Amino acid sequence: MKSKFPNIRPNLAGDFPQIHPTALIDPSAQIIGNVIVEKNVFIAPLAVIRSDDRGPNGRVAPITICEDVNVQDGVIIHSHGGELVIIGARTTVAHGVVIHGPCIIAEDCFLALRSIVYASTIEKSVWVGICALVKNAKIDAFSYIPPNTVVSARSDVMNLGFVNEKEQQYMKEVLEANARLREDYMKSRCS
């Protein structure tokens, strides 16, 4: 299958991205291979979502971007061969974030500017602060990871605080702003 968009293309295994028609993908973003983009997703300029690394069985596991996710400018999402990446519904992936799988990020999370998530599981409604690193960890729901924090052991997780009302409100406002932006861009493409 060939795309009319050069930035949306298959990987070398022949897996072609599956993109819901309500998703908005900026023409400068790169969507490659076994990538599933669900409804109302916004993928901003210069994001790279690349699922092309084959696992031991020769197959490429999908990267799934669930509904209403907001992937901002310069984000990179990739994975080790044959390993899944799932970004849960209504999650914000802010400017310059790197996600390298295997990773499962549950719904309603907020990954702040330049944070890195590597081979980790993040439960729902987690805030990952600016420039924080989450590596080989499982983060409990509603955890707050402060800026510049490294979380790579269970003891690190045990010392985390919880997301407060102010952060929850900010997460909601960012999602709403980017949903409006996606809708405005969709309208401008149709006119």
C-alpha atoms as a PDB file:
ATOM      1  CA  MET A   1       0.000   0.000   0.000  1.00  0.00           C
ATOM      2  CA  LYS A   2       1.340   3.397  -0.934  1.00  0.00           C
ATOM      3  CA  SER A   3       0.451   6.606   0.859  1.00  0.00           C
ATOM      4  CA  LYS A   4      -0.246   9.918  -0.813  1.00  0.00           C
ATOM      5  CA  PHE A   5       1.672  11.419   2.122  1.00  0.00           C
ATOM      6  CA  PRO A   6       5.454  10.828   1.977  1.00  0.00           C
ATOM      7  CA  ASN A   7       5.728  11.255   5.759  1.00  0.00           C
ATOM      8  CA  ILE A   8       3.446   8.234   6.367  1.00  0.00           C
ATOM      9  CA  ARG A   9       5.085   5.090   5.069  1.00  0.00           C
ATOM     10  CA  PRO A  10       5.637   1.379   5.630  1.00  0.00           C
ATOM     11  CA  ASN A  11       8.618  -0.176   7.374  1.00  0.00           C
ATOM     12  CA  LEU A  12      10.915  -2.733   5.706  1.00  0.00           C
ATOM     13  CA  ALA A  13       8.669  -5.577   6.953  1.00  0.00           C
ATOM     14  CA  GLY A  14       5.807  -4.058   4.930  1.00  0.00           C
ATOM     15  CA  ASP A  15       3.767  -2.856   7.922  1.00  0.00           C
ATOM     16  CA  PHE A  16       1.841   0.286   7.026  1.00  0.00           C
ATOM     17  CA  PRO A  17       0.582   2.824   9.603  1.00  0.00           C
ATOM     18  CA  GLN A  18      -3.120   2.658  10.460  1.00  0.00           C
ATOM     19  CA  ILE A  19      -4.420   6.174  10.997  1.00  0.00           C
ATOM     20  CA  HIS A  20      -7.950   7.103  12.019  1.00  0.00           C
ATOM     21  CA  PRO A  21      -9.438   9.764   9.704  1.00  0.00           C
ATOM     22  CA  THR A  22     -10.034  12.149  12.639  1.00  0.00           C
ATOM     23  CA  ALA A  23      -6.346  12.164  13.577  1.00  0.00           C
ATOM     24  CA  LEU A  24      -4.260  15.137  12.523  1.00  0.00           C
ATOM     25  CA  ILE A  25      -0.649  14.494  11.571  1.00  0.00           C
ATOM     26  CA  ASP A  26       1.530  17.439  10.646  1.00  0.00           C
ATOM     27  CA  PRO A  27       3.208  17.014   7.225  1.00  0.00           C
ATOM     28  CA  SER A  28       6.649  17.312   8.847  1.00  0.00           C
ATOM     29  CA  ALA A  29       5.999  14.453  11.307  1.00  0.00           C
ATOM     30  CA  GLN A  30       7.235  10.984  10.335  1.00  0.00           C
ATOM     31  CA  ILE A  31       4.950   7.980  10.919  1.00  0.00           C
ATOM     32  CA  ILE A  32       6.717   4.774   9.884  1.00  0.00           C
ATOM     33  CA  GLY A  33       5.675   1.136  10.020  1.00  0.00           C
ATOM     34  CA  ASN A  34       3.440  -0.692  12.453  1.00  0.00           C
ATOM     35  CA  VAL A  35       1.935   2.413  14.056  1.00  0.00           C
ATOM     36  CA  ILE A  36      -1.715   2.607  15.084  1.00  0.00           C
ATOM     37  CA  VAL A  37      -3.090   6.141  15.507  1.00  0.00           C
ATOM     38  CA  GLU A  38      -6.584   6.199  16.972  1.00  0.00           C
ATOM     39  CA  LYS A  39      -9.299   8.866  16.742  1.00  0.00           C
ATOM     40  CA  ASN A  40      -8.792  12.524  17.583  1.00  0.00           C
ATOM     41  CA  VAL A  41      -5.014  12.228  17.976  1.00  0.00           C
ATOM     42  CA  PHE A  42      -2.882  15.308  17.319  1.00  0.00           C
ATOM     43  CA  ILE A  43       0.696  14.738  16.121  1.00  0.00           C
ATOM     44  CA  ALA A  44       2.620  18.019  15.869  1.00  0.00           C
ATOM     45  CA  PRO A  45       5.528  19.103  13.651  1.00  0.00           C
ATOM     46  CA  LEU A  46       8.747  17.079  13.588  1.00  0.00           C
ATOM     47  CA  ALA A  47       7.469  14.207  15.715  1.00  0.00           C
ATOM     48  CA  VAL A  48       8.863  10.788  14.747  1.00  0.00           C
ATOM     49  CA  ILE A  49       6.909   7.621  15.506  1.00  0.00           C
ATOM     50  CA  ARG A  50       8.823   4.698  14.046  1.00  0.00           C
ATOM     51  CA  SER A  51       7.912   1.026  14.446  1.00  0.00           C
ATOM     52  CA  ASP A  52      10.356  -0.840  12.243  1.00  0.00           C
ATOM     53  CA  ASP A  53      12.620  -2.967  14.448  1.00  0.00           C
ATOM     54  CA  ARG A  54      11.880  -6.686  14.036  1.00  0.00           C
ATOM     55  CA  GLY A  55      11.811  -8.979  17.034  1.00  0.00           C
ATOM     56  CA  PRO A  56      13.257 -12.510  17.241  1.00  0.00           C
ATOM     57  CA  ASN A  57      10.131 -13.839  15.482  1.00  0.00           C
ATOM     58  CA  GLY A  58      10.733 -11.475  12.529  1.00  0.00           C
ATOM     59  CA  ARG A  59       7.696  -9.362  13.337  1.00  0.00           C
ATOM     60  CA  VAL A  60       7.450  -5.709  14.289  1.00  0.00           C
ATOM     61  CA  ALA A  61       5.297  -4.985  17.343  1.00  0.00           C
ATOM     62  CA  PRO A  62       2.936  -2.025  17.076  1.00  0.00           C
ATOM     63  CA  ILE A  63       3.229   1.405  18.566  1.00  0.00           C
ATOM     64  CA  THR A  64      -0.322   2.368  19.524  1.00  0.00           C
ATOM     65  CA  ILE A  65      -1.325   5.989  20.084  1.00  0.00           C
ATOM     66  CA  CYS A  66      -4.757   5.813  21.721  1.00  0.00           C
ATOM     67  CA  GLU A  67      -7.600   8.278  21.245  1.00  0.00           C
ATOM     68  CA  ASP A  68      -7.283  11.954  22.129  1.00  0.00           C
ATOM     69  CA  VAL A  69      -3.512  11.728  22.670  1.00  0.00           C
ATOM     70  CA  ASN A  70      -1.542  14.888  22.036  1.00  0.00           C
ATOM     71  CA  VAL A  71       1.985  14.296  20.658  1.00  0.00           C
ATOM     72  CA  GLN A  72       3.794  17.629  20.519  1.00  0.00           C
ATOM     73  CA  ASP A  73       6.708  18.972  18.493  1.00  0.00           C
ATOM     74  CA  GLY A  74       9.927  16.985  18.257  1.00  0.00           C
ATOM     75  CA  VAL A  75       8.725  13.876  20.111  1.00  0.00           C
ATOM     76  CA  ILE A  76      10.473  10.580  19.304  1.00  0.00           C
ATOM     77  CA  ILE A  77       8.737   7.240  19.888  1.00  0.00           C
ATOM     78  CA  HIS A  78      10.518   3.965  19.017  1.00  0.00           C
ATOM     79  CA  SER A  79      11.019   0.498  20.465  1.00  0.00           C
ATOM     80  CA  HIS A  80      13.364  -2.458  20.678  1.00  0.00           C
ATOM     81  CA  GLY A  81      12.648  -5.252  18.201  1.00  0.00           C
ATOM     82  CA  GLY A  82       9.300  -6.919  18.723  1.00  0.00           C
ATOM     83  CA  GLU A  83       8.398  -4.834  21.793  1.00  0.00           C
ATOM     84  CA  LEU A  84       5.139  -2.909  22.267  1.00  0.00           C
ATOM     85  CA  VAL A  85       4.628   0.763  22.950  1.00  0.00           C
ATOM     86  CA  ILE A  86       1.175   1.942  24.026  1.00  0.00           C
ATOM     87  CA  ILE A  87       0.318   5.562  24.806  1.00  0.00           C
ATOM     88  CA  GLY A  88      -3.003   5.620  26.678  1.00  0.00           C
ATOM     89  CA  ALA A  89      -5.991   7.805  25.868  1.00  0.00           C
ATOM     90  CA  ARG A  90      -5.898  11.512  26.704  1.00  0.00           C
ATOM     91  CA  THR A  91      -2.181  11.520  27.441  1.00  0.00           C
ATOM     92  CA  THR A  92      -0.048  14.554  26.640  1.00  0.00           C
ATOM     93  CA  VAL A  93       3.432  13.901  25.276  1.00  0.00           C
ATOM     94  CA  ALA A  94       5.034  17.362  25.404  1.00  0.00           C
ATOM     95  CA  HIS A  95       7.739  18.941  23.245  1.00  0.00           C
ATOM     96  CA  GLY A  96      10.931  16.932  22.868  1.00  0.00           C
ATOM     97  CA  VAL A  97       9.875  13.855  24.858  1.00  0.00           C
ATOM     98  CA  VAL A  98      11.570  10.543  24.025  1.00  0.00           C
ATOM     99  CA  ILE A  99       9.726   7.266  24.582  1.00  0.00           C
ATOM    100  CA  HIS A 100      11.654   4.082  23.872  1.00  0.00           C
ATOM    101  CA  GLY A 101       9.902   0.788  24.343  1.00  0.00           C
ATOM    102  CA  PRO A 102       8.926  -1.533  25.543  1.00  0.00           C
ATOM    103  CA  CYS A 103       6.628   0.970  27.262  1.00  0.00           C
ATOM    104  CA  ILE A 104       3.054   1.071  28.393  1.00  0.00           C
ATOM    105  CA  ILE A 105       1.788   4.490  29.383  1.00  0.00           C
ATOM    106  CA  ALA A 106      -1.770   4.441  30.698  1.00  0.00           C
ATOM    107  CA  GLU A 107      -4.498   7.007  30.122  1.00  0.00           C
ATOM    108  CA  ASP A 108      -4.521  10.607  31.315  1.00  0.00           C
ATOM    109  CA  CYS A 109      -0.766  10.954  31.838  1.00  0.00           C
ATOM    110  CA  PHE A 110       1.349  14.053  31.292  1.00  0.00           C
ATOM    111  CA  LEU A 111       4.928  13.723  30.051  1.00  0.00           C
ATOM    112  CA  ALA A 112       6.471  17.192  30.356  1.00  0.00           C
ATOM    113  CA  LEU A 113       9.075  18.836  28.135  1.00  0.00           C
ATOM    114  CA  ARG A 114      12.168  16.765  27.305  1.00  0.00           C
ATOM    115  CA  SER A 115      11.297  13.921  29.659  1.00  0.00           C
ATOM    116  CA  ILE A 116      12.467  10.406  28.755  1.00  0.00           C
ATOM    117  CA  VAL A 117      10.625   7.144  29.329  1.00  0.00           C
ATOM    118  CA  TYR A 118      12.647   3.996  28.625  1.00  0.00           C
ATOM    119  CA  ALA A 119      11.434   0.413  29.011  1.00  0.00           C
ATOM    120  CA  SER A 120       8.856   1.313  31.661  1.00  0.00           C
ATOM    121  CA  THR A 121       5.210   1.024  32.652  1.00  0.00           C
ATOM    122  CA  ILE A 122       3.395   4.138  33.790  1.00  0.00           C
ATOM    123  CA  GLU A 123      -0.051   3.752  35.305  1.00  0.00           C
ATOM    124  CA  LYS A 124      -2.891   6.260  34.846  1.00  0.00           C
ATOM    125  CA  SER A 125      -2.792   9.962  35.653  1.00  0.00           C
ATOM    126  CA  VAL A 126       0.970  10.193  36.234  1.00  0.00           C
ATOM    127  CA  TRP A 127       2.884  13.475  35.851  1.00  0.00           C
ATOM    128  CA  VAL A 128       6.460  13.122  34.561  1.00  0.00           C
ATOM    129  CA  GLY A 129       8.248  16.439  35.121  1.00  0.00           C
ATOM    130  CA  ILE A 130      10.464  18.429  32.767  1.00  0.00           C
ATOM    131  CA  CYS A 131      13.689  16.563  31.911  1.00  0.00           C
ATOM    132  CA  ALA A 132      12.821  13.626  34.186  1.00  0.00           C
ATOM    133  CA  LEU A 133      14.093  10.149  33.283  1.00  0.00           C
ATOM    134  CA  VAL A 134      12.022   7.035  33.931  1.00  0.00           C
ATOM    135  CA  LYS A 135      14.065   3.914  33.165  1.00  0.00           C
ATOM    136  CA  ASN A 136      13.140   0.271  33.727  1.00  0.00           C
ATOM    137  CA  ALA A 137      10.488   1.258  36.269  1.00  0.00           C
ATOM    138  CA  LYS A 138       6.828   0.741  37.065  1.00  0.00           C
ATOM    139  CA  ILE A 139       5.195   4.002  38.170  1.00  0.00           C
ATOM    140  CA  ASP A 140       2.042   3.828  40.277  1.00  0.00           C
ATOM    141  CA  ALA A 141      -1.135   5.712  39.310  1.00  0.00           C
ATOM    142  CA  PHE A 142      -1.361   9.406  40.252  1.00  0.00           C
ATOM    143  CA  SER A 143       2.380   9.644  40.955  1.00  0.00           C
ATOM    144  CA  TYR A 144       4.176  12.966  40.540  1.00  0.00           C
ATOM    145  CA  ILE A 145       7.741  12.800  39.224  1.00  0.00           C
ATOM    146  CA  PRO A 146       9.476  16.149  39.816  1.00  0.00           C
ATOM    147  CA  PRO A 147      11.556  17.861  37.105  1.00  0.00           C
ATOM    148  CA  ASN A 148      15.098  16.513  36.575  1.00  0.00           C
ATOM    149  CA  THR A 149      14.379  13.377  38.618  1.00  0.00           C
ATOM    150  CA  VAL A 150      15.768   9.946  37.723  1.00  0.00           C
ATOM    151  CA  VAL A 151      13.475   7.037  38.544  1.00  0.00           C
ATOM    152  CA  SER A 152      15.119   3.674  37.906  1.00  0.00           C
ATOM    153  CA  ALA A 153      14.511   1.567  41.009  1.00  0.00           C
ATOM    154  CA  ARG A 154      11.562   0.629  43.224  1.00  0.00           C
ATOM    155  CA  SER A 155      13.045   2.764  46.017  1.00  0.00           C
ATOM    156  CA  ASP A 156      12.837   5.796  43.687  1.00  0.00           C
ATOM    157  CA  VAL A 157       9.155   5.061  43.046  1.00  0.00           C
ATOM    158  CA  MET A 158       8.420   4.747  46.763  1.00  0.00           C
ATOM    159  CA  ASN A 159       9.674   8.322  47.318  1.00  0.00           C
ATOM    160  CA  LEU A 160       7.382   9.959  44.738  1.00  0.00           C
ATOM    161  CA  GLY A 161       4.551  12.286  45.659  1.00  0.00           C
ATOM    162  CA  PHE A 162       1.098  12.457  44.133  1.00  0.00           C
ATOM    163  CA  VAL A 163      -0.413  14.625  41.411  1.00  0.00           C
ATOM    164  CA  ASN A 164      -2.330  17.519  42.990  1.00  0.00           C
ATOM    165  CA  GLU A 165      -5.385  19.436  41.775  1.00  0.00           C
ATOM    166  CA  LYS A 166      -3.253  22.151  40.159  1.00  0.00           C
ATOM    167  CA  GLU A 167      -1.405  19.609  37.987  1.00  0.00           C
ATOM    168  CA  GLN A 168      -4.646  17.793  37.159  1.00  0.00           C
ATOM    169  CA  GLN A 169      -6.193  21.087  36.025  1.00  0.00           C
ATOM    170  CA  TYR A 170      -3.141  21.925  33.924  1.00  0.00           C
ATOM    171  CA  MET A 171      -3.229  18.469  32.285  1.00  0.00           C
ATOM    172  CA  LYS A 172      -6.882  19.034  31.389  1.00  0.00           C
ATOM    173  CA  GLU A 173      -6.213  22.525  29.990  1.00  0.00           C
ATOM    174  CA  VAL A 174      -3.349  21.304  27.785  1.00  0.00           C
ATOM    175  CA  LEU A 175      -5.501  18.491  26.390  1.00  0.00           C
ATOM    176  CA  GLU A 176      -8.376  20.881  25.661  1.00  0.00           C
ATOM    177  CA  ALA A 177      -6.073  23.432  23.993  1.00  0.00           C
ATOM    178  CA  ASN A 178      -4.527  20.805  21.751  1.00  0.00           C
ATOM    179  CA  ALA A 179      -7.926  19.307  20.899  1.00  0.00           C
ATOM    180  CA  ARG A 180      -9.037  22.774  19.742  1.00  0.00           C
ATOM    181  CA  LEU A 181      -5.814  23.154  17.775  1.00  0.00           C
ATOM    182  CA  ARG A 182      -6.367  19.790  16.061  1.00  0.00           C
ATOM    183  CA  GLU A 183      -9.947  20.768  15.197  1.00  0.00           C
ATOM    184  CA  ASP A 184      -8.843  24.157  13.820  1.00  0.00           C
ATOM    185  CA  TYR A 185      -6.166  22.541  11.651  1.00  0.00           C
ATOM    186  CA  MET A 186      -8.684  19.957  10.415  1.00  0.00           C
ATOM    187  CA  LYS A 187     -11.116  22.740   9.450  1.00  0.00           C
ATOM    188  CA  SER A 188      -8.408  24.697   7.663  1.00  0.00           C
ATOM    189  CA  ARG A 189      -7.500  21.637   5.583  1.00  0.00           C
ATOM    190  CA  CYS A 190     -11.107  21.241   4.505  1.00  0.00           C
ATOM    191  CA  SER A 191     -11.578  24.859   3.429  1.00  0.00           C
END
